N, C-alpha and C. Protein backbone atom coordinates (compact mmCIF):
# COMPACT_ATOMS: atom_id res chain seq x y z
N MET A 1 10.83 8.23 -8.52
CA MET A 1 9.90 7.23 -8.30
C MET A 1 8.95 8.37 -6.63
N GLY A 2 8.92 9.57 -7.00
CA GLY A 2 8.38 10.70 -6.15
C GLY A 2 6.61 10.16 -5.92
N HIS A 3 6.39 10.21 -7.37
CA HIS A 3 4.64 10.59 -7.34
C HIS A 3 3.87 8.31 -7.85
N GLU A 4 5.51 7.53 -8.50
CA GLU A 4 4.71 6.26 -8.25
C GLU A 4 4.24 5.84 -7.05
N GLN A 5 4.56 6.12 -5.90
CA GLN A 5 4.28 5.52 -4.50
C GLN A 5 3.81 6.37 -3.57
N LYS A 6 2.83 7.70 -4.30
CA LYS A 6 2.24 7.99 -4.07
C LYS A 6 0.72 7.98 -5.24
N SER A 7 0.94 6.73 -6.02
CA SER A 7 -0.23 6.41 -6.75
C SER A 7 -0.20 5.00 -6.47
N ASN A 8 0.77 4.46 -6.18
CA ASN A 8 0.74 3.40 -6.40
C ASN A 8 -0.60 2.54 -4.72
N LYS A 9 -1.29 3.38 -3.89
CA LYS A 9 -2.22 2.42 -3.39
C LYS A 9 -3.25 2.94 -4.40
N MET A 10 -3.61 3.29 -5.16
CA MET A 10 -4.75 3.60 -6.63
C MET A 10 -4.40 2.36 -7.44
N ASP A 11 -2.86 1.63 -7.78
CA ASP A 11 -3.07 0.99 -8.41
C ASP A 11 -2.75 -0.17 -8.10
N LYS A 12 -3.16 0.14 -6.43
CA LYS A 12 -3.14 -1.49 -5.90
C LYS A 12 -4.58 -1.55 -5.82
N LYS A 13 -5.43 -0.66 -5.63
CA LYS A 13 -6.61 -0.90 -5.50
C LYS A 13 -7.97 -0.94 -7.03
N LYS A 14 -7.12 -0.47 -7.85
CA LYS A 14 -7.45 -0.62 -9.81
C LYS A 14 -6.75 -1.36 -10.10
N ALA A 15 -5.92 -2.10 -9.80
CA ALA A 15 -5.20 -2.83 -10.64
C ALA A 15 -4.85 -1.90 -11.82
N LEU A 16 -4.65 -1.22 -12.02
CA LEU A 16 -3.80 -0.83 -13.57
C LEU A 16 -2.68 -0.09 -13.36
N SER A 17 -1.91 -0.64 -14.38
CA SER A 17 -0.36 -0.60 -14.46
C SER A 17 0.42 0.87 -15.52
N THR A 18 -0.33 1.33 -16.22
CA THR A 18 0.65 2.72 -16.89
C THR A 18 -0.20 3.70 -16.81
N PRO A 19 0.32 4.39 -16.57
CA PRO A 19 -0.04 6.44 -16.07
C PRO A 19 -1.67 6.48 -17.73
N LYS A 20 -1.25 5.94 -18.04
CA LYS A 20 -2.01 6.59 -19.30
C LYS A 20 -3.90 5.72 -19.45
N GLU A 21 -3.62 4.17 -18.89
CA GLU A 21 -4.72 3.23 -18.37
C GLU A 21 -5.05 4.44 -16.99
N LYS A 22 -4.31 4.97 -15.56
CA LYS A 22 -4.63 5.35 -15.16
C LYS A 22 -6.28 6.82 -15.51
N LYS A 23 -4.84 7.20 -16.87
CA LYS A 23 -5.33 9.07 -17.13
C LYS A 23 -6.82 8.22 -17.33
N ALA A 24 -6.48 6.88 -18.39
CA ALA A 24 -8.15 7.16 -19.50
C ALA A 24 -9.36 6.36 -18.55
N ALA A 25 -9.09 5.81 -17.69
CA ALA A 25 -9.82 4.93 -16.16
C ALA A 25 -10.56 6.03 -15.36
N LYS A 26 -9.60 7.66 -14.95
CA LYS A 26 -10.11 8.30 -14.58
C LYS A 26 -11.30 9.36 -15.21
N LYS A 27 -10.55 9.37 -16.68
CA LYS A 27 -11.56 10.40 -17.22
C LYS A 27 -12.94 9.92 -17.64
N VAL A 28 -13.13 7.96 -17.23
CA VAL A 28 -14.52 7.38 -17.73
C VAL A 28 -14.59 7.76 -16.20
N LYS A 29 -13.87 7.51 -15.75
CA LYS A 29 -15.61 7.31 -14.08
C LYS A 29 -15.65 8.40 -13.56
N LYS A 30 -15.20 9.87 -14.89
CA LYS A 30 -15.84 11.35 -14.40
C LYS A 30 -16.30 11.02 -15.17
N ASP A 31 -16.61 10.43 -16.85
CA ASP A 31 -17.31 10.68 -17.47
C ASP A 31 -19.15 10.15 -17.10
N ILE A 32 -18.52 8.83 -16.69
CA ILE A 32 -19.93 8.41 -15.88
C ILE A 32 -20.67 8.82 -15.33
N LYS A 33 -19.56 9.92 -13.87
CA LYS A 33 -20.54 10.44 -13.17
C LYS A 33 -21.62 11.45 -13.38
N GLU A 34 -21.05 12.16 -14.57
CA GLU A 34 -21.63 12.89 -15.48
C GLU A 34 -22.86 12.25 -16.51
N GLY A 35 -22.54 11.27 -16.24
CA GLY A 35 -23.38 10.14 -17.58
C GLY A 35 -22.69 10.51 -18.63
N ILE A 36 -22.80 10.21 -18.75
CA ILE A 36 -21.41 10.44 -20.40
C ILE A 36 -21.88 8.99 -21.29
N HIS A 37 -21.22 8.43 -19.98
CA HIS A 37 -20.43 6.57 -20.57
C HIS A 37 -21.08 5.61 -20.02
N LYS A 38 -21.86 4.34 -20.14
CA LYS A 38 -22.31 3.62 -19.57
C LYS A 38 -21.16 2.70 -18.62
N PRO A 39 -21.10 2.83 -17.96
CA PRO A 39 -19.86 1.26 -17.29
C PRO A 39 -20.06 0.14 -18.09
N LYS A 40 -19.47 0.16 -19.07
CA LYS A 40 -19.69 -0.83 -20.16
C LYS A 40 -17.67 -1.66 -20.09
N LEU A 41 -16.65 -0.46 -19.54
CA LEU A 41 -15.75 -0.64 -19.54
C LEU A 41 -15.02 -1.17 -18.39
N VAL A 42 -16.06 -1.42 -17.03
CA VAL A 42 -15.92 -1.98 -16.21
C VAL A 42 -15.92 -3.63 -15.59
């Protein structure tokens, strides 16, 4: 439960449940920043 404690704040803020969702959201966020995706998943 070491890394879970660290990402707990993010989980509460983003309301993501699984590491997979977290990773996907991170990628989408990065893509949006680079203008690849339109923020439609939000």
